[in-house]
């Protein structure tokens, strides 16, 4: 059995939606050291962060009323079979298409967590990670939703075209995913350590009451 951690590290100065999208609601994280072993006999930190920090799991409750929140998810919804697709490295602001996913040749089954790597994870913590990322086109998201997956994971921080003013305001592709009942796990990392095909995934978000999303540890498991 092989385990691959596909979640990013939370640290000072990391990329965040607030800085790139000029929205302080999603800024951070802010990390303060409160005590050290050398000076206080113990180590302690305080952290202030958005629910959309680093790799996070997001439920449809982020955009839709009356949907399950993070604390209401069962363990069965967090431990799933996975279909993993690795595309050729996508250029900035490019479309992810249905044709590319089909040609990858990976069987996507109902109930899967579909994990799609575009190579964008290599841009983690670089300028433009959010605003220049590849995104799903409408036909592609229609195909993904038709597969009746439980979670869509990818190494991109935005599933819609963030450079299109209409898309950035209404998030049509993300809404389409959420209306289907699926969740989103993004952005994932370590595409160089995973292989395409079938796997299992376990996702462990913080269990906070009424949150629509939470930073999460996510692990791909290969037999």
C-alpha atoms as a PDB file:
ATOM      1  CA  UNK A   1       0.000   0.000   0.000  1.00  0.00           C
ATOM      2  CA  UNK A   2       1.232   3.517  -0.869  1.00  0.00           C
ATOM      3  CA  UNK A   3      -0.013   6.693   0.826  1.00  0.00           C
ATOM      4  CA  UNK A   4       0.363  10.110  -0.823  1.00  0.00           C
ATOM      5  CA  UNK A   5      -0.462  13.330   0.996  1.00  0.00           C
ATOM      6  CA  UNK A   6      -2.077  15.655  -1.560  1.00  0.00           C
ATOM      7  CA  UNK A   7      -2.811  18.537   0.824  1.00  0.00           C
ATOM      8  CA  UNK A   8      -0.796  21.743   0.989  1.00  0.00           C
ATOM      9  CA  UNK A   9       0.987  23.204   4.012  1.00  0.00           C
ATOM     10  CA  UNK A  10      -0.481  26.160   5.895  1.00  0.00           C
ATOM     11  CA  UNK A  11       2.205  28.774   6.557  1.00  0.00           C
ATOM     12  CA  UNK A  12       2.853  32.482   6.839  1.00  0.00           C
ATOM     13  CA  UNK A  13       2.952  34.368   3.554  1.00  0.00           C
ATOM     14  CA  UNK A  14       1.284  31.622   1.536  1.00  0.00           C
ATOM     15  CA  UNK A  15      -1.058  32.269  -1.402  1.00  0.00           C
ATOM     16  CA  UNK A  16      -4.605  33.213  -0.498  1.00  0.00           C
ATOM     17  CA  UNK A  17      -7.759  34.320  -2.276  1.00  0.00           C
ATOM     18  CA  UNK A  18      -7.904  37.579  -0.330  1.00  0.00           C
ATOM     19  CA  UNK A  19      -4.659  38.995  -1.691  1.00  0.00           C
ATOM     20  CA  UNK A  20      -5.197  37.902  -5.297  1.00  0.00           C
ATOM     21  CA  UNK A  21      -8.902  38.743  -5.520  1.00  0.00           C
ATOM     22  CA  UNK A  22      -8.692  41.843  -3.317  1.00  0.00           C
ATOM     23  CA  UNK A  23     -11.266  40.425  -0.908  1.00  0.00           C
ATOM     24  CA  UNK A  24     -10.217  40.627   2.758  1.00  0.00           C
ATOM     25  CA  UNK A  25     -12.834  38.039   3.734  1.00  0.00           C
ATOM     26  CA  UNK A  26     -10.528  35.347   2.376  1.00  0.00           C
ATOM     27  CA  UNK A  27      -7.159  36.788   3.432  1.00  0.00           C
ATOM     28  CA  UNK A  28      -4.533  35.162   5.630  1.00  0.00           C
ATOM     29  CA  UNK A  29      -3.516  33.041   7.288  1.00  0.00           C
ATOM     30  CA  UNK A  30      -2.170  35.032  10.227  1.00  0.00           C
ATOM     31  CA  UNK A  31       0.066  32.961  12.502  1.00  0.00           C
ATOM     32  CA  UNK A  32       1.400  34.278  15.814  1.00  0.00           C
ATOM     33  CA  UNK A  33       3.883  32.500  18.056  1.00  0.00           C
ATOM     34  CA  UNK A  34       2.648  32.916  21.636  1.00  0.00           C
ATOM     35  CA  UNK A  35       5.191  30.847  23.543  1.00  0.00           C
ATOM     36  CA  UNK A  36       8.387  28.871  22.988  1.00  0.00           C
ATOM     37  CA  UNK A  37       9.935  25.938  24.816  1.00  0.00           C
ATOM     38  CA  UNK A  38      13.122  27.979  25.361  1.00  0.00           C
ATOM     39  CA  UNK A  39      11.400  30.955  27.012  1.00  0.00           C
ATOM     40  CA  UNK A  40       8.127  29.577  28.377  1.00  0.00           C
ATOM     41  CA  UNK A  41       8.658  25.849  28.806  1.00  0.00           C
ATOM     42  CA  UNK A  42       6.075  25.014  26.138  1.00  0.00           C
ATOM     43  CA  UNK A  43       5.225  25.879  22.540  1.00  0.00           C
ATOM     44  CA  UNK A  44       2.001  27.656  21.544  1.00  0.00           C
ATOM     45  CA  UNK A  45       0.658  29.456  18.485  1.00  0.00           C
ATOM     46  CA  UNK A  46      -2.458  31.351  17.482  1.00  0.00           C
ATOM     47  CA  UNK A  47      -3.777  31.085  13.962  1.00  0.00           C
ATOM     48  CA  UNK A  48      -6.421  33.172  12.192  1.00  0.00           C
ATOM     49  CA  UNK A  49      -7.474  31.816   8.822  1.00  0.00           C
ATOM     50  CA  UNK A  50     -10.236  31.726   6.256  1.00  0.00           C
ATOM     51  CA  UNK A  51     -12.166  28.502   5.791  1.00  0.00           C
ATOM     52  CA  UNK A  52     -10.732  28.568   2.238  1.00  0.00           C
ATOM     53  CA  UNK A  53      -7.080  28.199   3.225  1.00  0.00           C
ATOM     54  CA  UNK A  54      -4.552  25.867   1.597  1.00  0.00           C
ATOM     55  CA  UNK A  55      -6.208  22.576   0.542  1.00  0.00           C
ATOM     56  CA  UNK A  56      -9.821  22.653   1.722  1.00  0.00           C
ATOM     57  CA  UNK A  57     -13.015  20.649   1.421  1.00  0.00           C
ATOM     58  CA  UNK A  58     -16.057  22.696   0.462  1.00  0.00           C
ATOM     59  CA  UNK A  59     -19.693  21.586   0.588  1.00  0.00           C
ATOM     60  CA  UNK A  60     -22.556  22.930  -1.539  1.00  0.00           C
ATOM     61  CA  UNK A  61     -23.568  24.985   1.527  1.00  0.00           C
ATOM     62  CA  UNK A  62     -20.932  27.488   0.402  1.00  0.00           C
ATOM     63  CA  UNK A  63     -23.330  28.700  -2.316  1.00  0.00           C
ATOM     64  CA  UNK A  64     -26.666  26.980  -1.659  1.00  0.00           C
ATOM     65  CA  UNK A  65     -29.021  27.250   1.305  1.00  0.00           C
ATOM     66  CA  UNK A  66     -30.108  24.202   3.261  1.00  0.00           C
ATOM     67  CA  UNK A  67     -27.189  21.962   2.285  1.00  0.00           C
ATOM     68  CA  UNK A  68     -24.998  19.900   4.607  1.00  0.00           C
ATOM     69  CA  UNK A  69     -22.187  21.667   6.415  1.00  0.00           C
ATOM     70  CA  UNK A  70     -18.762  20.208   7.187  1.00  0.00           C
ATOM     71  CA  UNK A  71     -19.731  18.962  10.660  1.00  0.00           C
ATOM     72  CA  UNK A  72     -22.708  17.054   9.241  1.00  0.00           C
ATOM     73  CA  UNK A  73     -20.679  14.893   6.859  1.00  0.00           C
ATOM     74  CA  UNK A  74     -20.489  11.181   7.608  1.00  0.00           C
ATOM     75  CA  UNK A  75     -17.203   9.273   7.567  1.00  0.00           C
ATOM     76  CA  UNK A  76     -18.482   7.402   4.523  1.00  0.00           C
ATOM     77  CA  UNK A  77     -18.576  10.697   2.611  1.00  0.00           C
ATOM     78  CA  UNK A  78     -14.915  11.338   3.444  1.00  0.00           C
ATOM     79  CA  UNK A  79     -13.460   7.921   2.584  1.00  0.00           C
ATOM     80  CA  UNK A  80     -14.157   7.185  -1.090  1.00  0.00           C
ATOM     81  CA  UNK A  81     -12.960   5.334  -4.172  1.00  0.00           C
ATOM     82  CA  UNK A  82     -11.064   7.717  -6.416  1.00  0.00           C
ATOM     83  CA  UNK A  83     -10.422   8.089 -10.133  1.00  0.00           C
ATOM     84  CA  UNK A  84      -7.209  10.022 -10.772  1.00  0.00           C
ATOM     85  CA  UNK A  85      -6.528  11.825 -14.059  1.00  0.00           C
ATOM     86  CA  UNK A  86      -3.200  13.471 -14.890  1.00  0.00           C
ATOM     87  CA  UNK A  87      -3.371  15.897 -17.823  1.00  0.00           C
ATOM     88  CA  UNK A  88      -0.465  17.399 -19.687  1.00  0.00           C
ATOM     89  CA  UNK A  89       0.609  20.621 -17.989  1.00  0.00           C
ATOM     90  CA  UNK A  90      -2.013  23.261 -18.733  1.00  0.00           C
ATOM     91  CA  UNK A  91      -0.974  26.832 -19.601  1.00  0.00           C
ATOM     92  CA  UNK A  92      -2.281  29.796 -17.581  1.00  0.00           C
ATOM     93  CA  UNK A  93      -5.976  30.702 -17.964  1.00  0.00           C
ATOM     94  CA  UNK A  94      -6.640  27.708 -20.237  1.00  0.00           C
ATOM     95  CA  UNK A  95      -9.796  25.598 -20.455  1.00  0.00           C
ATOM     96  CA  UNK A  96      -9.953  22.042 -19.123  1.00  0.00           C
ATOM     97  CA  UNK A  97     -12.077  20.183 -21.667  1.00  0.00           C
ATOM     98  CA  UNK A  98     -14.288  17.127 -21.789  1.00  0.00           C
ATOM     99  CA  UNK A  99     -12.151  15.768 -24.637  1.00  0.00           C
ATOM    100  CA  UNK A 100      -9.011  15.839 -22.476  1.00  0.00           C
ATOM    101  CA  UNK A 101     -10.669  13.961 -19.644  1.00  0.00           C
ATOM    102  CA  UNK A 102     -12.134  11.299 -21.919  1.00  0.00           C
ATOM    103  CA  UNK A 103      -8.838  10.798 -23.749  1.00  0.00           C
ATOM    104  CA  UNK A 104      -7.069  10.231 -20.418  1.00  0.00           C
ATOM    105  CA  UNK A 105      -8.749   6.808 -20.479  1.00  0.00           C
ATOM    106  CA  UNK A 106      -9.568   6.601 -16.759  1.00  0.00           C
ATOM    107  CA  UNK A 107     -12.890   5.006 -15.854  1.00  0.00           C
ATOM    108  CA  UNK A 108     -14.854   7.380 -13.645  1.00  0.00           C
ATOM    109  CA  UNK A 109     -17.466   5.593 -11.541  1.00  0.00           C
ATOM    110  CA  UNK A 110     -20.549   6.867  -9.734  1.00  0.00           C
ATOM    111  CA  UNK A 111     -19.682   7.670  -6.131  1.00  0.00           C
ATOM    112  CA  UNK A 112     -16.030   8.468  -6.894  1.00  0.00           C
ATOM    113  CA  UNK A 113     -13.898  11.332  -5.837  1.00  0.00           C
ATOM    114  CA  UNK A 114     -12.615  12.477  -9.228  1.00  0.00           C
ATOM    115  CA  UNK A 115      -9.094  13.903  -8.878  1.00  0.00           C
ATOM    116  CA  UNK A 116      -7.781  15.973 -11.806  1.00  0.00           C
ATOM    117  CA  UNK A 117      -4.187  17.187 -12.022  1.00  0.00           C
ATOM    118  CA  UNK A 118      -3.280  19.884 -14.541  1.00  0.00           C
ATOM    119  CA  UNK A 119       0.267  20.553 -13.374  1.00  0.00           C
ATOM    120  CA  UNK A 120      -0.848  23.835 -11.809  1.00  0.00           C
ATOM    121  CA  UNK A 121       0.198  22.632  -8.348  1.00  0.00           C
ATOM    122  CA  UNK A 122       3.754  23.521  -9.412  1.00  0.00           C
ATOM    123  CA  UNK A 123       2.709  27.195  -9.221  1.00  0.00           C
ATOM    124  CA  UNK A 124       1.734  26.939  -5.528  1.00  0.00           C
ATOM    125  CA  UNK A 125       2.752  30.098  -3.632  1.00  0.00           C
ATOM    126  CA  UNK A 126       3.671  31.966  -6.823  1.00  0.00           C
ATOM    127  CA  UNK A 127       2.110  35.161  -8.154  1.00  0.00           C
ATOM    128  CA  UNK A 128      -1.009  34.493 -10.209  1.00  0.00           C
ATOM    129  CA  UNK A 129      -1.726  31.106  -8.621  1.00  0.00           C
ATOM    130  CA  UNK A 130      -5.379  32.121  -8.251  1.00  0.00           C
ATOM    131  CA  UNK A 131      -5.971  34.662 -11.015  1.00  0.00           C
ATOM    132  CA  UNK A 132      -4.174  32.810 -13.813  1.00  0.00           C
ATOM    133  CA  UNK A 133      -5.190  29.217 -13.084  1.00  0.00           C
ATOM    134  CA  UNK A 134      -6.750  26.879 -15.675  1.00  0.00           C
ATOM    135  CA  UNK A 135     -10.482  26.234 -15.279  1.00  0.00           C
ATOM    136  CA  UNK A 136     -13.265  23.897 -16.415  1.00  0.00           C
ATOM    137  CA  UNK A 137     -15.340  24.851 -19.431  1.00  0.00           C
ATOM    138  CA  UNK A 138     -19.101  24.330 -19.366  1.00  0.00           C
ATOM    139  CA  UNK A 139     -19.155  21.147 -21.459  1.00  0.00           C
ATOM    140  CA  UNK A 140     -16.452  19.640 -19.285  1.00  0.00           C
ATOM    141  CA  UNK A 141     -18.343  20.328 -16.068  1.00  0.00           C
ATOM    142  CA  UNK A 142     -21.515  18.897 -17.615  1.00  0.00           C
ATOM    143  CA  UNK A 143     -19.596  15.683 -18.332  1.00  0.00           C
ATOM    144  CA  UNK A 144     -18.159  15.572 -14.808  1.00  0.00           C
ATOM    145  CA  UNK A 145     -21.588  16.048 -13.235  1.00  0.00           C
ATOM    146  CA  UNK A 146     -23.045  13.318 -15.481  1.00  0.00           C
ATOM    147  CA  UNK A 147     -20.686  10.831 -13.812  1.00  0.00           C
ATOM    148  CA  UNK A 148     -22.498  11.239 -10.460  1.00  0.00           C
ATOM    149  CA  UNK A 149     -19.293  11.745  -8.507  1.00  0.00           C
ATOM    150  CA  UNK A 150     -19.263  12.657  -4.797  1.00  0.00           C
ATOM    151  CA  UNK A 151     -16.269  15.024  -4.824  1.00  0.00           C
ATOM    152  CA  UNK A 152     -14.339  16.868  -7.527  1.00  0.00           C
ATOM    153  CA  UNK A 153     -10.724  17.479  -6.561  1.00  0.00           C
ATOM    154  CA  UNK A 154      -8.160  19.375  -8.597  1.00  0.00           C
ATOM    155  CA  UNK A 155      -4.848  21.196  -8.277  1.00  0.00           C
ATOM    156  CA  UNK A 156      -6.454  24.484  -9.377  1.00  0.00           C
ATOM    157  CA  UNK A 157      -7.856  27.012  -6.855  1.00  0.00           C
ATOM    158  CA  UNK A 158     -10.789  28.145  -9.067  1.00  0.00           C
ATOM    159  CA  UNK A 159     -13.093  25.904 -11.095  1.00  0.00           C
ATOM    160  CA  UNK A 160     -14.528  28.876 -13.026  1.00  0.00           C
ATOM    161  CA  UNK A 161     -12.798  31.388 -15.287  1.00  0.00           C
ATOM    162  CA  UNK A 162     -11.726  33.953 -12.714  1.00  0.00           C
ATOM    163  CA  UNK A 163     -10.661  36.376 -15.469  1.00  0.00           C
ATOM    164  CA  UNK A 164     -14.204  36.495 -16.872  1.00  0.00           C
ATOM    165  CA  UNK A 165     -16.150  39.098 -14.827  1.00  0.00           C
ATOM    166  CA  UNK A 166     -19.395  37.167 -15.273  1.00  0.00           C
ATOM    167  CA  UNK A 167     -17.914  33.851 -14.202  1.00  0.00           C
ATOM    168  CA  UNK A 168     -16.017  35.333 -11.268  1.00  0.00           C
ATOM    169  CA  UNK A 169     -19.234  36.802  -9.864  1.00  0.00           C
ATOM    170  CA  UNK A 170     -21.686  33.953 -10.482  1.00  0.00           C
ATOM    171  CA  UNK A 171     -19.377  30.882 -10.465  1.00  0.00           C
ATOM    172  CA  UNK A 172     -21.538  28.918 -12.939  1.00  0.00           C
ATOM    173  CA  UNK A 173     -19.385  25.781 -13.082  1.00  0.00           C
ATOM    174  CA  UNK A 174     -19.015  25.522  -9.306  1.00  0.00           C
ATOM    175  CA  UNK A 175     -22.759  26.058  -8.900  1.00  0.00           C
ATOM    176  CA  UNK A 176     -23.405  23.308 -11.434  1.00  0.00           C
ATOM    177  CA  UNK A 177     -21.230  20.956  -9.373  1.00  0.00           C
ATOM    178  CA  UNK A 178     -22.974  21.908  -6.146  1.00  0.00           C
ATOM    179  CA  UNK A 179     -26.471  21.578  -7.571  1.00  0.00           C
ATOM    180  CA  UNK A 180     -25.507  17.990  -8.414  1.00  0.00           C
ATOM    181  CA  UNK A 181     -24.798  17.379  -4.722  1.00  0.00           C
ATOM    182  CA  UNK A 182     -21.039  16.913  -5.126  1.00  0.00           C
ATOM    183  CA  UNK A 183     -18.380  18.668  -3.037  1.00  0.00           C
ATOM    184  CA  UNK A 184     -15.064  20.266  -4.004  1.00  0.00           C
ATOM    185  CA  UNK A 185     -11.556  19.542  -2.706  1.00  0.00           C
ATOM    186  CA  UNK A 186      -9.005  22.095  -3.870  1.00  0.00           C
ATOM    187  CA  UNK A 187      -6.306  22.859  -4.586  1.00  0.00           C
ATOM    188  CA  UNK A 188      -4.407  19.588  -4.170  1.00  0.00           C
ATOM    189  CA  UNK A 189      -0.651  19.146  -4.543  1.00  0.00           C
ATOM    190  CA  UNK A 190       2.075  16.549  -5.129  1.00  0.00           C
ATOM    191  CA  UNK A 191       1.011  15.583  -8.628  1.00  0.00           C
ATOM    192  CA  UNK A 192       4.539  14.283  -9.197  1.00  0.00           C
ATOM    193  CA  UNK A 193       4.013  11.649  -6.504  1.00  0.00           C
ATOM    194  CA  UNK A 194       0.746  10.177  -7.726  1.00  0.00           C
ATOM    195  CA  UNK A 195      -0.180   7.936 -10.628  1.00  0.00           C
ATOM    196  CA  UNK A 196      -3.167   7.988 -12.927  1.00  0.00           C
ATOM    197  CA  UNK A 197      -5.895   5.396 -12.477  1.00  0.00           C
ATOM    198  CA  UNK A 198      -7.871   3.974  -9.596  1.00  0.00           C
ATOM    199  CA  UNK A 199      -7.167   4.676  -5.927  1.00  0.00           C
ATOM    200  CA  UNK A 200      -8.916   5.486  -2.666  1.00  0.00           C
ATOM    201  CA  UNK A 201      -8.997   8.805  -0.865  1.00  0.00           C
ATOM    202  CA  UNK A 202      -9.500   9.895   2.708  1.00  0.00           C
ATOM    203  CA  UNK A 203     -10.254  13.544   3.477  1.00  0.00           C
ATOM    204  CA  UNK A 204     -10.245  14.909   7.019  1.00  0.00           C
ATOM    205  CA  UNK A 205     -11.518  18.504   7.382  1.00  0.00           C
ATOM    206  CA  UNK A 206     -11.756  20.283  10.719  1.00  0.00           C
ATOM    207  CA  UNK A 207     -15.098  19.414  12.313  1.00  0.00           C
ATOM    208  CA  UNK A 208     -16.475  22.896  12.997  1.00  0.00           C
ATOM    209  CA  UNK A 209     -20.199  23.440  13.458  1.00  0.00           C
ATOM    210  CA  UNK A 210     -22.062  25.140  10.584  1.00  0.00           C
ATOM    211  CA  UNK A 211     -18.972  25.780   8.412  1.00  0.00           C
ATOM    212  CA  UNK A 212     -19.470  25.326   4.662  1.00  0.00           C
ATOM    213  CA  UNK A 213     -15.769  24.557   4.158  1.00  0.00           C
ATOM    214  CA  UNK A 214     -12.625  23.753   6.089  1.00  0.00           C
ATOM    215  CA  UNK A 215      -8.914  23.203   5.540  1.00  0.00           C
ATOM    216  CA  UNK A 216      -8.384  19.462   5.190  1.00  0.00           C
ATOM    217  CA  UNK A 217      -5.744  16.747   5.141  1.00  0.00           C
ATOM    218  CA  UNK A 218      -6.267  14.600   2.052  1.00  0.00           C
ATOM    219  CA  UNK A 219      -4.491  11.329   1.307  1.00  0.00           C
ATOM    220  CA  UNK A 220      -4.580   9.139  -1.803  1.00  0.00           C
ATOM    221  CA  UNK A 221      -4.225   5.438  -1.127  1.00  0.00           C
ATOM    222  CA  UNK A 222      -2.866   3.030  -3.720  1.00  0.00           C
ATOM    223  CA  UNK A 223      -2.997  -0.726  -3.274  1.00  0.00           C
END
